[in-house]
């Protein structure tokens, strides 16, 4: 899996739209298949059983921020081959 792929997206949306994205994210993580698409760019991620989670919340005068970062390690498929050689 040597190629690096990245999709970045920033926009202003309603709370309802954000909630929809988060619901889809939760369902995708639960299923172990997370597909991100922006235009013709697509990244297919496979969250493992163990996921590192980082949450950050900030308040500063009239501005608030909430960040969620999820990371995991993709385990390479292991195959077993037995031959008489």
N, C-alpha and C. Protein backbone atom coordinates (compact mmCIF):
# COMPACT_ATOMS: atom_id res chain seq x y z
N UNK A 1 0.83 -1.19 0.00
CA UNK A 1 0.00 0.00 0.00
C UNK A 1 0.86 1.24 0.00
N UNK A 2 1.86 1.34 -0.83
CA UNK A 2 2.84 2.39 -0.82
C UNK A 2 2.37 3.76 -1.24
N UNK A 3 1.28 3.86 -1.98
CA UNK A 3 0.81 5.15 -2.45
C UNK A 3 0.08 5.90 -1.34
N UNK A 4 0.37 7.20 -1.24
CA UNK A 4 -0.31 8.03 -0.26
C UNK A 4 -1.48 8.73 -0.93
N UNK A 5 -2.65 8.60 -0.33
CA UNK A 5 -3.84 9.28 -0.82
C UNK A 5 -4.35 10.19 0.28
N UNK A 6 -4.89 11.33 -0.13
CA UNK A 6 -5.41 12.28 0.85
C UNK A 6 -6.56 13.07 0.25
N UNK A 7 -7.61 13.23 1.02
CA UNK A 7 -8.73 14.09 0.62
C UNK A 7 -8.94 15.07 1.76
N UNK A 8 -9.03 16.33 1.43
CA UNK A 8 -9.28 17.37 2.41
C UNK A 8 -10.49 18.18 1.96
N UNK A 9 -11.33 18.58 2.90
CA UNK A 9 -12.55 19.30 2.55
C UNK A 9 -12.92 20.22 3.69
N UNK A 10 -13.21 21.45 3.38
CA UNK A 10 -13.63 22.42 4.39
C UNK A 10 -14.76 23.26 3.82
N UNK A 11 -15.86 23.37 4.57
CA UNK A 11 -17.01 24.14 4.10
C UNK A 11 -17.86 24.56 5.28
N UNK A 12 -18.83 25.40 5.04
CA UNK A 12 -19.77 25.84 6.05
C UNK A 12 -21.10 25.16 5.78
N UNK A 13 -21.62 24.39 6.76
CA UNK A 13 -22.88 23.66 6.59
C UNK A 13 -23.73 23.81 7.84
N UNK A 14 -24.98 23.37 7.76
CA UNK A 14 -25.88 23.43 8.90
C UNK A 14 -25.54 22.33 9.92
N UNK A 15 -26.01 22.51 11.15
CA UNK A 15 -25.84 21.48 12.19
C UNK A 15 -26.45 20.16 11.73
N UNK A 16 -27.60 20.23 11.07
CA UNK A 16 -28.27 19.03 10.59
C UNK A 16 -27.39 18.27 9.60
N UNK A 17 -26.74 18.99 8.70
CA UNK A 17 -25.85 18.36 7.72
C UNK A 17 -24.65 17.71 8.43
N UNK A 18 -24.09 18.40 9.42
CA UNK A 18 -22.97 17.85 10.18
C UNK A 18 -23.42 16.56 10.88
N UNK A 19 -24.61 16.58 11.48
CA UNK A 19 -25.13 15.39 12.16
C UNK A 19 -25.27 14.23 11.18
N UNK A 20 -25.70 14.51 9.96
CA UNK A 20 -25.82 13.47 8.94
C UNK A 20 -24.46 12.87 8.60
N UNK A 21 -23.45 13.72 8.44
CA UNK A 21 -22.09 13.24 8.17
C UNK A 21 -21.60 12.35 9.32
N UNK A 22 -21.85 12.80 10.56
CA UNK A 22 -21.40 12.04 11.72
C UNK A 22 -22.13 10.70 11.85
N UNK A 23 -23.42 10.67 11.52
CA UNK A 23 -24.17 9.41 11.54
C UNK A 23 -23.61 8.44 10.50
N UNK A 24 -23.33 8.95 9.30
CA UNK A 24 -22.73 8.10 8.26
C UNK A 24 -21.35 7.62 8.68
N UNK A 25 -20.59 8.49 9.33
CA UNK A 25 -19.26 8.11 9.82
C UNK A 25 -19.37 6.99 10.85
N UNK A 26 -20.30 7.13 11.79
CA UNK A 26 -20.48 6.11 12.83
C UNK A 26 -20.87 4.76 12.22
N UNK A 27 -21.79 4.77 11.27
CA UNK A 27 -22.22 3.53 10.61
C UNK A 27 -21.05 2.90 9.84
N UNK A 28 -20.27 3.73 9.17
CA UNK A 28 -19.13 3.23 8.39
C UNK A 28 -18.07 2.61 9.29
N UNK A 29 -17.77 3.27 10.40
CA UNK A 29 -16.77 2.73 11.32
C UNK A 29 -17.27 1.41 11.91
N UNK A 30 -18.54 1.36 12.26
CA UNK A 30 -19.13 0.12 12.79
C UNK A 30 -19.01 -1.04 11.81
N UNK A 31 -19.21 -0.75 10.54
CA UNK A 31 -19.17 -1.80 9.51
C UNK A 31 -17.74 -2.17 9.11
N UNK A 32 -16.77 -1.31 9.45
CA UNK A 32 -15.38 -1.58 9.08
C UNK A 32 -15.05 -1.16 7.66
N UNK A 33 -15.93 -0.38 7.04
CA UNK A 33 -15.70 0.11 5.67
C UNK A 33 -16.09 1.58 5.62
N UNK A 34 -15.11 2.42 5.35
CA UNK A 34 -15.31 3.87 5.33
C UNK A 34 -14.84 4.39 3.98
N UNK A 35 -15.78 4.87 3.17
CA UNK A 35 -15.45 5.41 1.85
C UNK A 35 -15.64 6.92 1.85
N UNK A 36 -14.62 7.63 1.45
CA UNK A 36 -14.64 9.09 1.37
C UNK A 36 -14.52 9.47 -0.10
N UNK A 37 -15.44 10.31 -0.57
CA UNK A 37 -15.41 10.72 -1.98
C UNK A 37 -15.59 12.23 -2.08
N UNK A 38 -14.72 12.84 -2.88
CA UNK A 38 -14.80 14.27 -3.19
C UNK A 38 -14.58 14.39 -4.69
N UNK A 39 -15.62 14.70 -5.42
CA UNK A 39 -15.51 14.74 -6.88
C UNK A 39 -15.20 13.35 -7.39
N UNK A 40 -14.11 13.22 -8.16
CA UNK A 40 -13.73 11.91 -8.68
C UNK A 40 -12.72 11.21 -7.78
N UNK A 41 -12.24 11.90 -6.74
CA UNK A 41 -11.29 11.30 -5.79
C UNK A 41 -12.03 10.42 -4.79
N UNK A 42 -11.49 9.25 -4.54
CA UNK A 42 -12.08 8.33 -3.56
C UNK A 42 -10.99 7.67 -2.74
N UNK A 43 -11.25 7.53 -1.46
CA UNK A 43 -10.38 6.77 -0.56
C UNK A 43 -11.26 5.76 0.18
N UNK A 44 -10.86 4.50 0.14
CA UNK A 44 -11.56 3.44 0.87
C UNK A 44 -10.70 3.06 2.07
N UNK A 45 -11.23 3.29 3.26
CA UNK A 45 -10.51 2.99 4.49
C UNK A 45 -11.16 1.79 5.19
N UNK A 46 -10.36 1.06 5.94
CA UNK A 46 -10.87 -0.11 6.66
C UNK A 46 -10.49 -0.01 8.13
N UNK A 47 -11.33 0.66 8.93
CA UNK A 47 -11.03 0.79 10.35
C UNK A 47 -10.91 -0.58 11.02
N UNK A 48 -9.89 -0.74 11.84
CA UNK A 48 -9.68 -1.99 12.55
C UNK A 48 -10.58 -2.08 13.78
N UNK A 49 -10.44 -3.16 14.51
CA UNK A 49 -11.22 -3.36 15.73
C UNK A 49 -10.81 -2.36 16.82
N UNK A 50 -9.54 -1.94 16.79
CA UNK A 50 -9.03 -0.99 17.77
C UNK A 50 -8.70 0.31 17.07
N UNK A 51 -9.28 1.39 17.55
CA UNK A 51 -9.11 2.71 16.94
C UNK A 51 -8.66 3.69 18.02
N UNK A 52 -7.59 4.42 17.74
CA UNK A 52 -7.14 5.47 18.66
C UNK A 52 -8.00 6.71 18.42
N UNK A 53 -8.48 7.32 19.50
CA UNK A 53 -9.38 8.47 19.37
C UNK A 53 -8.83 9.64 20.17
N UNK A 54 -8.81 10.80 19.52
CA UNK A 54 -8.36 12.03 20.17
C UNK A 54 -9.47 13.07 20.03
N UNK A 55 -9.90 13.62 21.15
CA UNK A 55 -10.97 14.63 21.16
C UNK A 55 -10.40 15.91 21.75
N UNK A 56 -10.74 17.03 21.10
CA UNK A 56 -10.29 18.33 21.60
C UNK A 56 -11.45 19.32 21.49
N UNK A 57 -11.72 20.04 22.58
CA UNK A 57 -12.77 21.06 22.59
C UNK A 57 -12.16 22.35 23.13
N UNK A 58 -12.50 23.48 22.47
CA UNK A 58 -11.95 24.77 22.88
C UNK A 58 -13.04 25.84 22.85
N UNK A 59 -12.95 26.79 23.78
CA UNK A 59 -13.79 27.97 23.79
C UNK A 59 -12.88 29.19 23.90
N UNK A 60 -13.15 30.18 23.06
CA UNK A 60 -12.37 31.42 23.11
C UNK A 60 -13.29 32.55 22.70
N UNK A 61 -13.67 33.37 23.67
CA UNK A 61 -14.62 34.46 23.45
C UNK A 61 -15.85 33.96 22.72
N UNK A 62 -16.10 34.39 21.50
CA UNK A 62 -17.31 34.00 20.78
C UNK A 62 -17.07 32.86 19.78
N UNK A 63 -15.93 32.21 19.87
CA UNK A 63 -15.61 31.13 18.94
C UNK A 63 -15.39 29.83 19.71
N UNK A 64 -15.99 28.76 19.21
CA UNK A 64 -15.82 27.45 19.82
C UNK A 64 -15.34 26.47 18.76
N UNK A 65 -14.64 25.42 19.22
CA UNK A 65 -14.07 24.45 18.29
C UNK A 65 -14.15 23.05 18.90
N UNK A 66 -14.48 22.07 18.06
CA UNK A 66 -14.49 20.67 18.47
C UNK A 66 -13.78 19.88 17.39
N UNK A 67 -12.78 19.09 17.78
CA UNK A 67 -12.03 18.27 16.82
C UNK A 67 -12.07 16.82 17.25
N UNK A 68 -12.19 15.95 16.28
CA UNK A 68 -12.16 14.51 16.51
C UNK A 68 -11.16 13.91 15.53
N UNK A 69 -10.20 13.17 16.07
CA UNK A 69 -9.18 12.53 15.23
C UNK A 69 -9.20 11.03 15.53
N UNK A 70 -9.35 10.22 14.49
CA UNK A 70 -9.36 8.77 14.63
C UNK A 70 -8.21 8.20 13.81
N UNK A 71 -7.45 7.30 14.39
CA UNK A 71 -6.35 6.64 13.66
C UNK A 71 -6.35 5.16 13.99
N UNK A 72 -5.87 4.37 13.04
CA UNK A 72 -5.73 2.93 13.24
C UNK A 72 -4.68 2.41 12.31
N UNK A 73 -4.22 1.22 12.60
CA UNK A 73 -3.21 0.57 11.78
C UNK A 73 -3.90 -0.48 10.92
N UNK A 74 -3.57 -0.48 9.65
CA UNK A 74 -4.11 -1.47 8.74
C UNK A 74 -3.21 -2.69 8.79
N UNK A 75 -3.79 -3.80 9.17
CA UNK A 75 -3.02 -5.05 9.23
C UNK A 75 -2.93 -5.66 7.85
N UNK A 76 -1.72 -5.99 7.41
CA UNK A 76 -1.61 -6.62 6.09
C UNK A 76 -2.24 -8.01 6.14
N UNK A 77 -2.84 -8.38 5.01
CA UNK A 77 -3.42 -9.72 4.93
C UNK A 77 -2.31 -10.74 5.05
N UNK A 78 -2.52 -11.70 5.90
CA UNK A 78 -1.53 -12.76 6.06
C UNK A 78 -2.08 -14.03 5.42
N UNK A 79 -1.29 -14.61 4.57
CA UNK A 79 -1.70 -15.84 3.93
C UNK A 79 -0.70 -16.93 4.26
N UNK A 80 -1.16 -18.13 4.23
CA UNK A 80 -0.31 -19.26 4.53
C UNK A 80 -0.22 -20.11 3.27
N UNK A 81 0.98 -20.46 2.91
CA UNK A 81 1.20 -21.31 1.75
C UNK A 81 2.04 -22.50 2.17
N UNK A 82 1.55 -23.68 1.89
CA UNK A 82 2.28 -24.89 2.23
C UNK A 82 2.52 -25.65 0.92
N UNK A 83 3.80 -25.95 0.66
CA UNK A 83 4.15 -26.69 -0.57
C UNK A 83 5.11 -27.81 -0.22
N UNK A 84 5.18 -28.83 -1.07
CA UNK A 84 6.08 -29.94 -0.81
C UNK A 84 7.55 -29.63 -1.11
N UNK A 85 7.85 -28.45 -1.64
CA UNK A 85 9.24 -28.11 -2.02
C UNK A 85 10.13 -27.90 -0.85
